Amino acid sequence: MKILVTGGAGFIGSAVVRHLLASGQHDVINVDKLTYAANLVSLEDATANPRYAFEQADICDARRMAEIFTRHRPDAVMHLAAESHVDRSIDGPAAFIETNIVGTYRLLDAAAGYYQGLEGERRAQFRFHHVSTDEVYGALGPDDPPFTPQHAYDPRSPYSASKASSDHLVRAWQHTFGLPTVLSNCSNNYGPYQFPEKLIPLMILNALEWRPLPVYGRGENQRDWLYVEEHAEALVEVLTNGRIGAT
């Protein structure tokens, strides 16, 4: 299968690319704008792989997206490109609106146009996997049951609101235009190559340098964590075996 991965130079995206290539079963087209959070060092081994191609492009660029679909002719899309830091979304929400909402729309539009031109088995097998966050569901109290896909959306930050908007766009493109989509909402990831602004690497680096450890509020908040390489494996499982239209 030839898979187009957006945000493939990012933290989770690069883990997905490495996992896909290591399987020996897939070709990968990595589409990444190369923002501050991208790290091509995490893909050094991929560059020499004949099953890997890299396109530096912004998902908000409709012309480039259409051209990439036409030239590479992917069998599936894994959409991970996103602005993804709550604090940054508070300081500057515009980038989150542009990338997470407008960018997702541009990508969906390009994918839907490409999908309409597919025939036979290639059309039957095409998938668009949108990778989102559990923060679209809001926050839980200490005694609340865990979130499920049936929970109502209740975003609390510009970041989570922009991801909630992109989730709704993906569902709309499935229902309105018949684009075969699957959607997943994950909790926080940790692991190799994570950008140091995130909590776990930030705490580790501060501790190594004997600097203060920043704690929100009274330190009573709780968070679930996923090891990024296990998450990448799960995402590929969702792409290949998930039920169309499901979350």
C-alpha atoms as a PDB file:
ATOM      1  CA  MET A   1       0.000   0.000   0.000  1.00  0.00           C
ATOM      2  CA  LYS A   2       1.231   3.510  -0.818  1.00  0.00           C
ATOM      3  CA  ILE A   3       0.383   5.825   2.082  1.00  0.00           C
ATOM      4  CA  LEU A   4       0.511   9.620   2.105  1.00  0.00           C
ATOM      5  CA  VAL A   5       1.409  10.813   5.618  1.00  0.00           C
ATOM      6  CA  THR A   6       0.949  14.501   6.424  1.00  0.00           C
ATOM      7  CA  GLY A   7       3.119  15.853   9.203  1.00  0.00           C
ATOM      8  CA  GLY A   8       5.470  12.934   8.761  1.00  0.00           C
ATOM      9  CA  ALA A   9       8.469  14.879  10.082  1.00  0.00           C
ATOM     10  CA  GLY A  10       6.659  15.644  13.335  1.00  0.00           C
ATOM     11  CA  PHE A  11       6.830  13.654  16.543  1.00  0.00           C
ATOM     12  CA  ILE A  12       3.979  11.196  15.995  1.00  0.00           C
ATOM     13  CA  GLY A  13       4.155  11.383  12.212  1.00  0.00           C
ATOM     14  CA  SER A  14       7.818  10.365  12.089  1.00  0.00           C
ATOM     15  CA  ALA A  15       7.059   7.369  14.325  1.00  0.00           C
ATOM     16  CA  VAL A  16       4.311   6.377  11.880  1.00  0.00           C
ATOM     17  CA  VAL A  17       6.678   6.730   8.916  1.00  0.00           C
ATOM     18  CA  ARG A  18       9.362   4.637  10.633  1.00  0.00           C
ATOM     19  CA  HIS A  19       6.810   1.956  11.520  1.00  0.00           C
ATOM     20  CA  LEU A  20       5.367   1.803   7.999  1.00  0.00           C
ATOM     21  CA  LEU A  21       8.796   1.477   6.411  1.00  0.00           C
ATOM     22  CA  ALA A  22       9.989  -1.092   8.956  1.00  0.00           C
ATOM     23  CA  SER A  23       7.029  -3.317   8.107  1.00  0.00           C
ATOM     24  CA  GLY A  24       8.374  -3.726   4.574  1.00  0.00           C
ATOM     25  CA  GLN A  25       4.793  -3.687   3.267  1.00  0.00           C
ATOM     26  CA  HIS A  26       4.195  -0.028   2.442  1.00  0.00           C
ATOM     27  CA  ASP A  27       5.503   2.900   0.412  1.00  0.00           C
ATOM     28  CA  VAL A  28       5.371   6.286   2.157  1.00  0.00           C
ATOM     29  CA  ILE A  29       4.974   9.819   0.837  1.00  0.00           C
ATOM     30  CA  ASN A  30       5.814  12.212   3.669  1.00  0.00           C
ATOM     31  CA  VAL A  31       4.213  15.652   3.240  1.00  0.00           C
ATOM     32  CA  ASP A  32       5.486  18.163   5.792  1.00  0.00           C
ATOM     33  CA  LYS A  33       5.789  21.937   5.900  1.00  0.00           C
ATOM     34  CA  LEU A  34       8.840  21.674   8.217  1.00  0.00           C
ATOM     35  CA  THR A  35       7.707  24.010  10.985  1.00  0.00           C
ATOM     36  CA  TYR A  36       9.599  24.462  14.270  1.00  0.00           C
ATOM     37  CA  ALA A  37       8.329  21.072  15.548  1.00  0.00           C
ATOM     38  CA  ALA A  38       9.556  19.055  12.551  1.00  0.00           C
ATOM     39  CA  ASN A  39      12.722  17.029  12.921  1.00  0.00           C
ATOM     40  CA  LEU A  40      14.236  15.361   9.866  1.00  0.00           C
ATOM     41  CA  VAL A  41      16.893  13.759  12.082  1.00  0.00           C
ATOM     42  CA  SER A  42      14.144  11.386  13.209  1.00  0.00           C
ATOM     43  CA  LEU A  43      13.926  10.135   9.594  1.00  0.00           C
ATOM     44  CA  GLU A  44      17.618   9.823   8.709  1.00  0.00           C
ATOM     45  CA  ASP A  45      17.274   6.102   8.010  1.00  0.00           C
ATOM     46  CA  ALA A  46      14.230   6.704   5.797  1.00  0.00           C
ATOM     47  CA  THR A  47      15.962   8.930   3.283  1.00  0.00           C
ATOM     48  CA  ALA A  48      17.895   6.066   1.706  1.00  0.00           C
ATOM     49  CA  ASN A  49      14.837   3.823   1.483  1.00  0.00           C
ATOM     50  CA  PRO A  50      13.495   3.484  -2.088  1.00  0.00           C
ATOM     51  CA  ARG A  51       9.974   3.160  -0.674  1.00  0.00           C
ATOM     52  CA  TYR A  52      10.147   6.651   0.881  1.00  0.00           C
ATOM     53  CA  ALA A  53       9.505  10.049  -0.731  1.00  0.00           C
ATOM     54  CA  PHE A  54       9.493  13.471   0.908  1.00  0.00           C
ATOM     55  CA  GLU A  55       7.502  16.510  -0.216  1.00  0.00           C
ATOM     56  CA  GLN A  56       8.030  19.804   1.605  1.00  0.00           C
ATOM     57  CA  ALA A  57       4.584  21.349   1.277  1.00  0.00           C
ATOM     58  CA  ASP A  58       1.912  23.155   3.291  1.00  0.00           C
ATOM     59  CA  ILE A  59      -1.438  21.360   3.499  1.00  0.00           C
ATOM     60  CA  CYS A  60      -3.071  24.798   3.154  1.00  0.00           C
ATOM     61  CA  ASP A  61      -1.684  25.020  -0.398  1.00  0.00           C
ATOM     62  CA  ALA A  62      -4.527  23.573  -2.472  1.00  0.00           C
ATOM     63  CA  ARG A  63      -2.524  23.501  -5.711  1.00  0.00           C
ATOM     64  CA  ARG A  64       0.370  21.570  -4.157  1.00  0.00           C
ATOM     65  CA  MET A  65      -1.965  19.096  -2.487  1.00  0.00           C
ATOM     66  CA  ALA A  66      -3.765  18.343  -5.744  1.00  0.00           C
ATOM     67  CA  GLU A  67      -0.429  17.993  -7.557  1.00  0.00           C
ATOM     68  CA  ILE A  68       0.957  15.609  -4.917  1.00  0.00           C
ATOM     69  CA  PHE A  69      -2.118  13.379  -5.120  1.00  0.00           C
ATOM     70  CA  THR A  70      -1.954  13.321  -8.926  1.00  0.00           C
ATOM     71  CA  ARG A  71       1.770  12.549  -9.071  1.00  0.00           C
ATOM     72  CA  HIS A  72       2.062   9.996  -6.252  1.00  0.00           C
ATOM     73  CA  ARG A  73      -1.386   8.360  -6.495  1.00  0.00           C
ATOM     74  CA  PRO A  74      -1.618   7.121  -2.877  1.00  0.00           C
ATOM     75  CA  ASP A  75      -3.824   4.257  -1.711  1.00  0.00           C
ATOM     76  CA  ALA A  76      -4.517   5.927   1.649  1.00  0.00           C
ATOM     77  CA  VAL A  77      -3.954   9.102   3.658  1.00  0.00           C
ATOM     78  CA  MET A  78      -2.869   9.398   7.285  1.00  0.00           C
ATOM     79  CA  HIS A  79      -3.449  13.025   8.292  1.00  0.00           C
ATOM     80  CA  LEU A  80      -1.265  14.015  11.245  1.00  0.00           C
ATOM     81  CA  ALA A  81      -0.171  17.529  10.232  1.00  0.00           C
ATOM     82  CA  ALA A  82      -1.344  19.932  12.921  1.00  0.00           C
ATOM     83  CA  GLU A  83      -0.404  22.678  15.311  1.00  0.00           C
ATOM     84  CA  SER A  84      -0.578  20.832  18.597  1.00  0.00           C
ATOM     85  CA  HIS A  85       0.439  22.774  21.706  1.00  0.00           C
ATOM     86  CA  VAL A  86      -2.215  24.229  24.022  1.00  0.00           C
ATOM     87  CA  ASP A  87      -0.061  27.066  25.366  1.00  0.00           C
ATOM     88  CA  ARG A  88       0.954  28.158  21.873  1.00  0.00           C
ATOM     89  CA  SER A  89      -2.703  28.129  20.815  1.00  0.00           C
ATOM     90  CA  ILE A  90      -3.500  30.578  23.617  1.00  0.00           C
ATOM     91  CA  ASP A  91      -0.645  32.902  22.683  1.00  0.00           C
ATOM     92  CA  GLY A  92      -1.320  32.719  18.933  1.00  0.00           C
ATOM     93  CA  PRO A  93      -4.544  30.977  17.861  1.00  0.00           C
ATOM     94  CA  ALA A  94      -4.374  32.102  14.209  1.00  0.00           C
ATOM     95  CA  ALA A  95      -1.860  29.417  13.179  1.00  0.00           C
ATOM     96  CA  PHE A  96      -4.082  26.743  14.723  1.00  0.00           C
ATOM     97  CA  ILE A  97      -7.132  27.954  12.828  1.00  0.00           C
ATOM     98  CA  GLU A  98      -5.170  28.094   9.580  1.00  0.00           C
ATOM     99  CA  THR A  99      -3.428  24.708   9.770  1.00  0.00           C
ATOM    100  CA  ASN A 100      -5.896  22.574  11.701  1.00  0.00           C
ATOM    101  CA  ILE A 101      -9.114  23.839  10.130  1.00  0.00           C
ATOM    102  CA  VAL A 102      -8.270  25.416   6.761  1.00  0.00           C
ATOM    103  CA  GLY A 103      -5.449  22.933   6.122  1.00  0.00           C
ATOM    104  CA  THR A 104      -7.670  19.955   6.874  1.00  0.00           C
ATOM    105  CA  TYR A 105     -10.317  21.363   4.525  1.00  0.00           C
ATOM    106  CA  ARG A 106      -7.764  21.787   1.717  1.00  0.00           C
ATOM    107  CA  LEU A 107      -6.506  18.235   2.230  1.00  0.00           C
ATOM    108  CA  LEU A 108     -10.019  16.782   2.326  1.00  0.00           C
ATOM    109  CA  ASP A 109     -10.907  18.655  -0.846  1.00  0.00           C
ATOM    110  CA  ALA A 110      -7.830  17.322  -2.637  1.00  0.00           C
ATOM    111  CA  ALA A 111      -8.405  13.789  -1.333  1.00  0.00           C
ATOM    112  CA  ALA A 112     -12.074  13.800  -2.343  1.00  0.00           C
ATOM    113  CA  GLY A 113     -11.286  15.014  -5.861  1.00  0.00           C
ATOM    114  CA  TYR A 114      -8.623  12.347  -6.216  1.00  0.00           C
ATOM    115  CA  TYR A 115     -10.899   9.640  -4.782  1.00  0.00           C
ATOM    116  CA  GLN A 116     -13.663  10.417  -7.267  1.00  0.00           C
ATOM    117  CA  GLY A 117     -11.259   9.568 -10.076  1.00  0.00           C
ATOM    118  CA  LEU A 118     -10.358   6.145  -8.700  1.00  0.00           C
ATOM    119  CA  GLU A 119     -11.953   2.995 -10.042  1.00  0.00           C
ATOM    120  CA  GLY A 120     -12.388  -0.630  -9.087  1.00  0.00           C
ATOM    121  CA  GLU A 121     -10.269  -2.117  -6.334  1.00  0.00           C
ATOM    122  CA  ARG A 122      -8.237   1.052  -5.809  1.00  0.00           C
ATOM    123  CA  ARG A 123     -11.417   3.007  -5.095  1.00  0.00           C
ATOM    124  CA  ALA A 124     -12.772   0.274  -2.821  1.00  0.00           C
ATOM    125  CA  GLN A 125      -9.592   0.189  -0.737  1.00  0.00           C
ATOM    126  CA  PHE A 126      -8.934   3.943  -0.383  1.00  0.00           C
ATOM    127  CA  ARG A 127      -8.969   5.329   3.181  1.00  0.00           C
ATOM    128  CA  PHE A 128      -8.524   8.767   4.778  1.00  0.00           C
ATOM    129  CA  HIS A 129      -7.425   8.464   8.429  1.00  0.00           C
ATOM    130  CA  HIS A 130      -7.691  11.651  10.480  1.00  0.00           C
ATOM    131  CA  VAL A 131      -5.593  11.606  13.662  1.00  0.00           C
ATOM    132  CA  SER A 132      -7.047  13.823  16.376  1.00  0.00           C
ATOM    133  CA  THR A 133      -6.885  14.373  20.134  1.00  0.00           C
ATOM    134  CA  ASP A 134      -8.975  13.416  23.144  1.00  0.00           C
ATOM    135  CA  GLU A 135      -8.887  17.089  24.182  1.00  0.00           C
ATOM    136  CA  VAL A 136     -11.885  17.680  21.905  1.00  0.00           C
ATOM    137  CA  TYR A 137     -13.934  16.047  24.692  1.00  0.00           C
ATOM    138  CA  GLY A 138     -12.907  18.595  27.332  1.00  0.00           C
ATOM    139  CA  ALA A 139     -11.773  17.689  30.837  1.00  0.00           C
ATOM    140  CA  LEU A 140     -12.697  14.978  33.335  1.00  0.00           C
ATOM    141  CA  GLY A 141     -13.170  15.287  37.073  1.00  0.00           C
ATOM    142  CA  PRO A 142     -11.246  12.899  39.344  1.00  0.00           C
ATOM    143  CA  ASP A 143     -14.266  10.600  39.719  1.00  0.00           C
ATOM    144  CA  ASP A 144     -15.603  10.795  36.143  1.00  0.00           C
ATOM    145  CA  PRO A 145     -15.557   7.697  33.908  1.00  0.00           C
ATOM    146  CA  PRO A 146     -13.087   7.727  30.970  1.00  0.00           C
ATOM    147  CA  PHE A 147     -13.977   9.349  27.682  1.00  0.00           C
ATOM    148  CA  THR A 148     -15.518   7.228  24.942  1.00  0.00           C
ATOM    149  CA  PRO A 149     -16.176   8.126  21.282  1.00  0.00           C
ATOM    150  CA  GLN A 150     -19.804   8.733  22.301  1.00  0.00           C
ATOM    151  CA  HIS A 151     -18.933  11.653  24.600  1.00  0.00           C
ATOM    152  CA  ALA A 152     -20.139  15.097  23.534  1.00  0.00           C
ATOM    153  CA  TYR A 153     -17.477  17.486  22.266  1.00  0.00           C
ATOM    154  CA  ASP A 154     -16.472  20.162  24.785  1.00  0.00           C
ATOM    155  CA  PRO A 155     -13.163  21.765  23.676  1.00  0.00           C
ATOM    156  CA  ARG A 156     -11.526  24.126  26.185  1.00  0.00           C
ATOM    157  CA  SER A 157      -8.686  25.804  24.226  1.00  0.00           C
ATOM    158  CA  PRO A 158      -8.086  27.213  20.736  1.00  0.00           C
ATOM    159  CA  TYR A 159      -6.063  24.061  20.014  1.00  0.00           C
ATOM    160  CA  SER A 160      -8.796  21.618  20.996  1.00  0.00           C
ATOM    161  CA  ALA A 161     -11.466  23.763  19.324  1.00  0.00           C
ATOM    162  CA  SER A 162      -9.507  23.718  16.064  1.00  0.00           C
ATOM    163  CA  LYS A 163      -9.104  19.934  16.259  1.00  0.00           C
ATOM    164  CA  ALA A 164     -12.809  19.518  17.042  1.00  0.00           C
ATOM    165  CA  SER A 165     -13.577  21.583  13.954  1.00  0.00           C
ATOM    166  CA  SER A 166     -11.324  19.382  11.815  1.00  0.00           C
ATOM    167  CA  ASP A 167     -13.007  16.241  13.194  1.00  0.00           C
ATOM    168  CA  HIS A 168     -16.392  17.610  12.131  1.00  0.00           C
ATOM    169  CA  LEU A 169     -15.072  18.452   8.665  1.00  0.00           C
ATOM    170  CA  VAL A 170     -13.789  14.897   8.217  1.00  0.00           C
ATOM    171  CA  ARG A 171     -17.170  13.447   9.214  1.00  0.00           C
ATOM    172  CA  ALA A 172     -18.927  15.909   6.882  1.00  0.00           C
ATOM    173  CA  TRP A 173     -16.764  14.853   3.927  1.00  0.00           C
ATOM    174  CA  GLN A 174     -17.603  11.232   4.642  1.00  0.00           C
ATOM    175  CA  HIS A 175     -21.350  11.799   4.890  1.00  0.00           C
ATOM    176  CA  THR A 176     -21.695  14.463   2.187  1.00  0.00           C
ATOM    177  CA  PHE A 177     -19.129  13.433  -0.408  1.00  0.00           C
ATOM    178  CA  GLY A 178     -18.696   9.746   0.370  1.00  0.00           C
ATOM    179  CA  LEU A 179     -14.991  10.017   1.207  1.00  0.00           C
ATOM    180  CA  PRO A 180     -14.116   6.838   3.157  1.00  0.00           C
ATOM    181  CA  THR A 181     -12.768   8.144   6.466  1.00  0.00           C
ATOM    182  CA  VAL A 182     -11.735   6.788   9.840  1.00  0.00           C
ATOM    183  CA  LEU A 183     -10.977   8.970  12.836  1.00  0.00           C
ATOM    184  CA  SER A 184      -8.974   8.405  16.014  1.00  0.00           C
ATOM    185  CA  ASN A 185      -8.641  10.544  19.152  1.00  0.00           C
ATOM    186  CA  CYS A 186      -5.529   9.888  21.228  1.00  0.00           C
ATOM    187  CA  SER A 187      -4.236  11.078  24.569  1.00  0.00           C
ATOM    188  CA  ASN A 188      -0.768  12.583  25.048  1.00  0.00           C
ATOM    189  CA  ASN A 189       2.178  10.814  23.469  1.00  0.00           C
ATOM    190  CA  TYR A 190       5.748  10.507  24.724  1.00  0.00           C
ATOM    191  CA  GLY A 191       8.905   8.907  23.389  1.00  0.00           C
ATOM    192  CA  PRO A 192      11.939   9.412  21.104  1.00  0.00           C
ATOM    193  CA  TYR A 193      12.431  12.708  19.246  1.00  0.00           C
ATOM    194  CA  GLN A 194       9.681  14.571  21.130  1.00  0.00           C
ATOM    195  CA  PHE A 195       9.957  18.346  20.926  1.00  0.00           C
ATOM    196  CA  PRO A 196      11.319  19.658  24.260  1.00  0.00           C
ATOM    197  CA  GLU A 197       8.401  22.006  24.967  1.00  0.00           C
ATOM    198  CA  LYS A 198       6.202  18.983  25.821  1.00  0.00           C
ATOM    199  CA  LEU A 199       5.791  17.957  29.455  1.00  0.00           C
ATOM    200  CA  ILE A 200       7.882  14.796  29.791  1.00  0.00           C
ATOM    201  CA  PRO A 201      10.978  15.968  27.851  1.00  0.00           C
ATOM    202  CA  LEU A 202      10.652  19.409  29.465  1.00  0.00           C
ATOM    203  CA  MET A 203      10.710  17.890  32.953  1.00  0.00           C
ATOM    204  CA  ILE A 204      13.621  15.580  32.091  1.00  0.00           C
ATOM    205  CA  LEU A 205      15.729  18.349  30.541  1.00  0.00           C
ATOM    206  CA  ASN A 206      15.004  20.752  33.407  1.00  0.00           C
ATOM    207  CA  ALA A 207      15.898  18.087  35.964  1.00  0.00           C
ATOM    208  CA  LEU A 208      19.173  17.283  34.194  1.00  0.00           C
ATOM    209  CA  GLU A 209      20.077  20.971  34.314  1.00  0.00           C
ATOM    210  CA  TRP A 210      18.876  21.463  37.937  1.00  0.00           C
ATOM    211  CA  ARG A 211      16.244  23.945  36.801  1.00  0.00           C
ATOM    212  CA  PRO A 212      12.757  24.360  38.373  1.00  0.00           C
ATOM    213  CA  LEU A 213      10.073  21.874  37.312  1.00  0.00           C
ATOM    214  CA  PRO A 214       6.956  23.792  36.143  1.00  0.00           C
ATOM    215  CA  VAL A 215       3.725  22.488  37.675  1.00  0.00           C
ATOM    216  CA  TYR A 216       0.244  23.648  36.664  1.00  0.00           C
ATOM    217  CA  GLY A 217      -2.024  24.709  39.510  1.00  0.00           C
ATOM    218  CA  ARG A 218      -1.579  22.520  42.596  1.00  0.00           C
ATOM    219  CA  GLY A 219      -0.158  19.576  40.711  1.00  0.00           C
ATOM    220  CA  GLU A 220      -3.314  17.490  41.108  1.00  0.00           C
ATOM    221  CA  ASN A 221      -4.153  17.153  37.402  1.00  0.00           C
ATOM    222  CA  GLN A 222      -3.966  13.699  35.839  1.00  0.00           C
ATOM    223  CA  ARG A 223      -3.144  12.702  32.260  1.00  0.00           C
ATOM    224  CA  ASP A 224      -2.993   9.470  30.301  1.00  0.00           C
ATOM    225  CA  TRP A 225       0.070   8.834  28.145  1.00  0.00           C
ATOM    226  CA  LEU A 226       0.741   6.706  25.069  1.00  0.00           C
ATOM    227  CA  TYR A 227       4.194   5.529  24.034  1.00  0.00           C
ATOM    228  CA  VAL A 228       4.515   6.995  20.547  1.00  0.00           C
ATOM    229  CA  GLU A 229       5.790   3.855  18.810  1.00  0.00           C
ATOM    230  CA  GLU A 230       2.887   1.788  20.177  1.00  0.00           C
ATOM    231  CA  HIS A 231       0.521   4.549  19.066  1.00  0.00           C
ATOM    232  CA  ALA A 232       2.024   4.445  15.552  1.00  0.00           C
ATOM    233  CA  GLU A 233       1.379   0.704  15.395  1.00  0.00           C
ATOM    234  CA  ALA A 234      -2.214   1.258  16.520  1.00  0.00           C
ATOM    235  CA  LEU A 235      -2.765   3.998  13.938  1.00  0.00           C
ATOM    236  CA  VAL A 236      -1.747   1.695  11.102  1.00  0.00           C
ATOM    237  CA  GLU A 237      -4.150  -0.913  12.481  1.00  0.00           C
ATOM    238  CA  VAL A 238      -6.950   1.684  12.445  1.00  0.00           C
ATOM    239  CA  LEU A 239      -6.101   2.677   8.874  1.00  0.00           C
ATOM    240  CA  THR A 240      -6.031  -0.864   7.529  1.00  0.00           C
ATOM    241  CA  ASN A 241      -8.837  -2.468   9.560  1.00  0.00           C
ATOM    242  CA  GLY A 242     -10.997   0.355  10.903  1.00  0.00           C
ATOM    243  CA  ARG A 243     -14.668   0.546   9.950  1.00  0.00           C
ATOM    244  CA  ILE A 244     -15.467   3.434   7.568  1.00  0.00           C
ATOM    245  CA  GLY A 245     -17.138   6.317   9.374  1.00  0.00           C
ATOM    246  CA  ALA A 246     -16.162   5.036  12.818  1.00  0.00           C
ATOM    247  CA  THR A 247     -14.174   6.770  15.556  1.00  0.00           C
END
